[in-house]
N, C-alpha and C. Protein backbone atom coordinates (compact mmCIF):
# COMPACT_ATOMS: atom_id res chain seq x y z
N UNK A 1 -123.84 -106.39 86.58
CA UNK A 1 -124.71 -105.40 87.15
C UNK A 1 -123.88 -104.35 87.89
N UNK A 2 -122.88 -104.81 88.64
CA UNK A 2 -122.03 -103.87 89.37
C UNK A 2 -121.28 -102.95 88.42
N UNK A 3 -120.78 -103.50 87.32
CA UNK A 3 -120.06 -102.68 86.33
C UNK A 3 -120.98 -101.62 85.75
N UNK A 4 -122.22 -102.00 85.48
CA UNK A 4 -123.19 -101.07 84.90
C UNK A 4 -123.44 -99.90 85.84
N UNK A 5 -123.63 -100.20 87.12
CA UNK A 5 -123.90 -99.15 88.10
C UNK A 5 -122.70 -98.23 88.25
N UNK A 6 -121.52 -98.81 88.38
CA UNK A 6 -120.31 -98.00 88.57
C UNK A 6 -120.04 -97.14 87.35
N UNK A 7 -120.24 -97.70 86.17
CA UNK A 7 -120.02 -96.95 84.93
C UNK A 7 -120.98 -95.75 84.84
N UNK A 8 -122.24 -95.97 85.23
CA UNK A 8 -123.21 -94.89 85.20
C UNK A 8 -122.86 -93.81 86.22
N UNK A 9 -122.48 -94.25 87.43
CA UNK A 9 -122.18 -93.29 88.49
C UNK A 9 -120.94 -92.46 88.14
N UNK A 10 -119.92 -93.08 87.55
CA UNK A 10 -118.71 -92.35 87.17
C UNK A 10 -119.00 -91.30 86.12
N UNK A 11 -119.84 -91.62 85.17
CA UNK A 11 -120.13 -90.69 84.09
C UNK A 11 -119.02 -90.69 83.06
N UNK A 12 -119.07 -89.75 82.16
CA UNK A 12 -118.05 -89.65 81.11
C UNK A 12 -116.81 -88.94 81.63
N UNK A 13 -115.64 -89.41 81.22
CA UNK A 13 -114.42 -88.68 81.60
C UNK A 13 -114.34 -87.36 80.84
N UNK A 14 -113.54 -86.47 81.33
CA UNK A 14 -113.38 -85.15 80.72
C UNK A 14 -112.82 -85.28 79.31
N UNK A 15 -111.90 -86.22 79.11
CA UNK A 15 -111.26 -86.38 77.81
C UNK A 15 -111.90 -87.50 76.98
N UNK A 16 -113.21 -87.63 77.05
CA UNK A 16 -113.92 -88.68 76.32
C UNK A 16 -113.82 -88.46 74.82
N UNK A 17 -113.69 -89.55 74.09
CA UNK A 17 -113.64 -89.47 72.63
C UNK A 17 -115.04 -89.25 72.08
N UNK A 18 -115.12 -88.92 70.82
CA UNK A 18 -116.44 -88.76 70.18
C UNK A 18 -117.24 -90.05 70.25
N UNK A 19 -116.54 -91.16 70.08
CA UNK A 19 -117.20 -92.47 70.13
C UNK A 19 -117.83 -92.70 71.51
N UNK A 20 -117.09 -92.42 72.57
CA UNK A 20 -117.60 -92.59 73.92
C UNK A 20 -118.78 -91.67 74.19
N UNK A 21 -118.69 -90.45 73.71
CA UNK A 21 -119.79 -89.50 73.89
C UNK A 21 -121.04 -89.98 73.17
N UNK A 22 -120.87 -90.46 71.95
CA UNK A 22 -122.01 -90.93 71.17
C UNK A 22 -122.65 -92.16 71.82
N UNK A 23 -121.83 -93.10 72.26
CA UNK A 23 -122.36 -94.30 72.90
C UNK A 23 -123.02 -93.98 74.24
N UNK A 24 -122.45 -93.03 74.98
CA UNK A 24 -123.06 -92.64 76.25
C UNK A 24 -124.40 -91.96 76.02
N UNK A 25 -124.47 -91.15 74.97
CA UNK A 25 -125.73 -90.48 74.65
C UNK A 25 -126.81 -91.50 74.29
N UNK A 26 -126.39 -92.59 73.63
CA UNK A 26 -127.34 -93.60 73.18
C UNK A 26 -127.71 -94.59 74.29
N UNK A 27 -126.71 -95.06 75.05
CA UNK A 27 -126.95 -96.14 76.00
C UNK A 27 -126.76 -95.75 77.46
N UNK A 28 -126.29 -94.56 77.75
CA UNK A 28 -125.95 -94.20 79.11
C UNK A 28 -127.03 -93.46 79.87
N UNK A 29 -128.24 -93.44 79.36
CA UNK A 29 -129.31 -92.73 80.04
C UNK A 29 -129.82 -93.56 81.22
N UNK A 30 -130.44 -92.88 82.16
CA UNK A 30 -130.95 -93.53 83.36
C UNK A 30 -131.93 -94.64 83.02
N UNK A 31 -132.79 -94.41 82.04
CA UNK A 31 -133.78 -95.43 81.68
C UNK A 31 -133.12 -96.70 81.17
N UNK A 32 -132.04 -96.57 80.41
CA UNK A 32 -131.33 -97.75 79.92
C UNK A 32 -130.64 -98.49 81.06
N UNK A 33 -130.08 -97.77 82.00
CA UNK A 33 -129.41 -98.39 83.13
C UNK A 33 -130.42 -99.15 83.98
N UNK A 34 -131.58 -98.55 84.23
CA UNK A 34 -132.64 -99.22 84.99
C UNK A 34 -133.10 -100.47 84.26
N UNK A 35 -133.22 -100.37 82.95
CA UNK A 35 -133.63 -101.53 82.15
C UNK A 35 -132.60 -102.66 82.26
N UNK A 36 -131.31 -102.31 82.22
CA UNK A 36 -130.26 -103.33 82.35
C UNK A 36 -130.28 -103.98 83.72
N UNK A 37 -130.49 -103.20 84.76
CA UNK A 37 -130.55 -103.76 86.11
C UNK A 37 -131.79 -104.63 86.26
N UNK A 38 -132.90 -104.20 85.69
CA UNK A 38 -134.13 -105.00 85.73
C UNK A 38 -133.90 -106.34 85.03
N UNK A 39 -133.21 -106.32 83.92
CA UNK A 39 -132.89 -107.56 83.20
C UNK A 39 -132.04 -108.48 84.07
N UNK A 40 -131.04 -107.90 84.74
CA UNK A 40 -130.18 -108.70 85.62
C UNK A 40 -130.98 -109.30 86.77
N UNK A 41 -131.93 -108.54 87.32
CA UNK A 41 -132.76 -109.04 88.42
C UNK A 41 -133.61 -110.20 87.93
N UNK A 42 -134.15 -110.10 86.73
CA UNK A 42 -134.96 -111.19 86.19
C UNK A 42 -134.14 -112.45 85.95
N UNK A 43 -132.83 -112.29 85.77
CA UNK A 43 -131.97 -113.43 85.43
C UNK A 43 -131.02 -113.81 86.56
N UNK A 44 -131.43 -113.59 87.80
CA UNK A 44 -130.69 -114.18 88.90
C UNK A 44 -130.08 -113.25 89.93
N UNK A 45 -129.96 -111.97 89.66
CA UNK A 45 -129.41 -111.05 90.66
C UNK A 45 -130.52 -110.75 91.66
N UNK A 46 -130.18 -110.81 92.94
CA UNK A 46 -131.19 -110.54 93.96
C UNK A 46 -131.23 -109.05 94.29
N UNK A 47 -132.32 -108.64 94.89
CA UNK A 47 -132.46 -107.24 95.30
C UNK A 47 -131.40 -106.88 96.33
N UNK A 48 -131.06 -107.84 97.20
CA UNK A 48 -130.06 -107.60 98.22
C UNK A 48 -128.70 -107.31 97.58
N UNK A 49 -128.38 -107.98 96.49
CA UNK A 49 -127.11 -107.73 95.81
C UNK A 49 -127.07 -106.32 95.22
N UNK A 50 -128.18 -105.86 94.69
CA UNK A 50 -128.24 -104.51 94.13
C UNK A 50 -128.05 -103.49 95.25
N UNK A 51 -128.74 -103.68 96.36
CA UNK A 51 -128.62 -102.77 97.50
C UNK A 51 -127.19 -102.80 98.04
N UNK A 52 -126.59 -103.99 98.06
CA UNK A 52 -125.22 -104.12 98.54
C UNK A 52 -124.24 -103.31 97.69
N UNK A 53 -124.44 -103.29 96.39
CA UNK A 53 -123.57 -102.50 95.51
C UNK A 53 -123.71 -101.01 95.84
N UNK A 54 -124.94 -100.55 96.05
CA UNK A 54 -125.15 -99.15 96.42
C UNK A 54 -124.43 -98.82 97.72
N UNK A 55 -124.56 -99.70 98.70
CA UNK A 55 -123.92 -99.47 100.00
C UNK A 55 -122.40 -99.49 99.88
N UNK A 56 -121.88 -100.40 99.07
CA UNK A 56 -120.43 -100.48 98.87
C UNK A 56 -119.90 -99.19 98.25
N UNK A 57 -120.61 -98.66 97.26
CA UNK A 57 -120.17 -97.43 96.61
C UNK A 57 -120.19 -96.27 97.61
N UNK A 58 -121.18 -96.24 98.47
CA UNK A 58 -121.29 -95.15 99.44
C UNK A 58 -120.29 -95.26 100.59
N UNK A 59 -119.87 -96.48 100.96
CA UNK A 59 -119.12 -96.64 102.20
C UNK A 59 -117.69 -97.14 102.07
N UNK A 60 -117.36 -97.92 101.07
CA UNK A 60 -116.04 -98.54 101.01
C UNK A 60 -114.97 -97.54 100.56
N UNK A 61 -113.77 -97.68 101.12
CA UNK A 61 -112.67 -96.78 100.74
C UNK A 61 -112.23 -96.96 99.29
N UNK A 62 -112.56 -98.08 98.68
CA UNK A 62 -112.22 -98.32 97.28
C UNK A 62 -112.86 -97.28 96.36
N UNK A 63 -114.02 -96.79 96.74
CA UNK A 63 -114.77 -95.85 95.91
C UNK A 63 -114.70 -94.42 96.45
N UNK A 64 -113.59 -94.07 97.10
CA UNK A 64 -113.47 -92.74 97.71
C UNK A 64 -113.50 -91.64 96.64
N UNK A 65 -113.01 -91.92 95.44
CA UNK A 65 -113.07 -90.90 94.38
C UNK A 65 -114.51 -90.61 93.98
N UNK A 66 -115.37 -91.62 93.98
CA UNK A 66 -116.78 -91.39 93.68
C UNK A 66 -117.49 -90.71 94.85
N UNK A 67 -117.11 -91.07 96.06
CA UNK A 67 -117.74 -90.49 97.25
C UNK A 67 -117.43 -89.00 97.35
N UNK A 68 -116.29 -88.57 96.86
CA UNK A 68 -115.92 -87.16 96.91
C UNK A 68 -116.50 -86.36 95.75
N UNK A 69 -117.04 -87.04 94.75
CA UNK A 69 -117.61 -86.39 93.57
C UNK A 69 -119.11 -86.19 93.80
N UNK A 70 -119.52 -84.95 93.93
CA UNK A 70 -120.93 -84.65 94.22
C UNK A 70 -121.84 -85.10 93.08
N UNK A 71 -121.42 -84.88 91.85
CA UNK A 71 -122.24 -85.28 90.71
C UNK A 71 -122.44 -86.80 90.68
N UNK A 72 -121.39 -87.55 91.00
CA UNK A 72 -121.50 -89.01 91.02
C UNK A 72 -122.48 -89.46 92.09
N UNK A 73 -122.42 -88.84 93.26
CA UNK A 73 -123.35 -89.21 94.33
C UNK A 73 -124.79 -88.83 93.97
N UNK A 74 -124.96 -87.73 93.24
CA UNK A 74 -126.29 -87.35 92.77
C UNK A 74 -126.83 -88.40 91.80
N UNK A 75 -125.97 -88.87 90.88
CA UNK A 75 -126.40 -89.91 89.94
C UNK A 75 -126.75 -91.20 90.67
N UNK A 76 -125.98 -91.55 91.69
CA UNK A 76 -126.26 -92.75 92.47
C UNK A 76 -127.60 -92.61 93.19
N UNK A 77 -127.85 -91.45 93.75
CA UNK A 77 -129.14 -91.19 94.42
C UNK A 77 -130.30 -91.27 93.45
N UNK A 78 -130.12 -90.70 92.25
CA UNK A 78 -131.17 -90.78 91.22
C UNK A 78 -131.47 -92.22 90.87
N UNK A 79 -130.42 -93.00 90.69
CA UNK A 79 -130.59 -94.40 90.33
C UNK A 79 -131.31 -95.17 91.43
N UNK A 80 -130.94 -94.94 92.68
CA UNK A 80 -131.61 -95.60 93.80
C UNK A 80 -133.09 -95.21 93.86
N UNK A 81 -133.38 -93.92 93.71
CA UNK A 81 -134.77 -93.47 93.74
C UNK A 81 -135.58 -94.08 92.60
N UNK A 82 -134.99 -94.14 91.42
CA UNK A 82 -135.69 -94.70 90.27
C UNK A 82 -135.99 -96.17 90.48
N UNK A 83 -135.02 -96.92 91.00
CA UNK A 83 -135.23 -98.34 91.23
C UNK A 83 -136.27 -98.59 92.32
N UNK A 84 -136.25 -97.76 93.36
CA UNK A 84 -137.23 -97.91 94.42
C UNK A 84 -138.62 -97.53 93.95
N UNK A 85 -138.72 -96.50 93.12
CA UNK A 85 -140.03 -96.09 92.62
C UNK A 85 -140.60 -97.12 91.65
N UNK A 86 -139.73 -97.81 90.92
CA UNK A 86 -140.19 -98.87 90.03
C UNK A 86 -140.39 -100.18 90.78
N UNK A 87 -140.09 -100.17 92.09
CA UNK A 87 -140.22 -101.33 92.97
C UNK A 87 -139.38 -102.51 92.49
N UNK A 88 -138.24 -102.21 91.86
CA UNK A 88 -137.34 -103.28 91.45
C UNK A 88 -136.52 -103.77 92.63
N UNK A 89 -136.24 -102.85 93.56
CA UNK A 89 -135.52 -103.26 94.76
C UNK A 89 -136.36 -102.90 95.97
N UNK A 90 -136.27 -103.71 97.00
CA UNK A 90 -137.04 -103.47 98.21
C UNK A 90 -136.41 -102.37 99.04
N UNK A 91 -137.14 -101.94 100.03
CA UNK A 91 -136.65 -100.85 100.86
C UNK A 91 -135.87 -101.31 102.03
């Protein structure tokens, strides 16, 4: 679940291959990411763990490259809003 969130937040690299672009177009949409997280929640991941990943990305020095990227933070915010609106994670 953590890998899925980080991969979505990072987005595609500038030098992405055609294969990566095609796969991202097919599987990298917000709806697919929410579906994957929902699947993980049904199979044992708790809501607190999902929230913890969001907080870690926003606060830990390990993710400083994502924290400095405005587009990545926008994607993270979109994902959080989508999950909260679907009531997959608590507030």
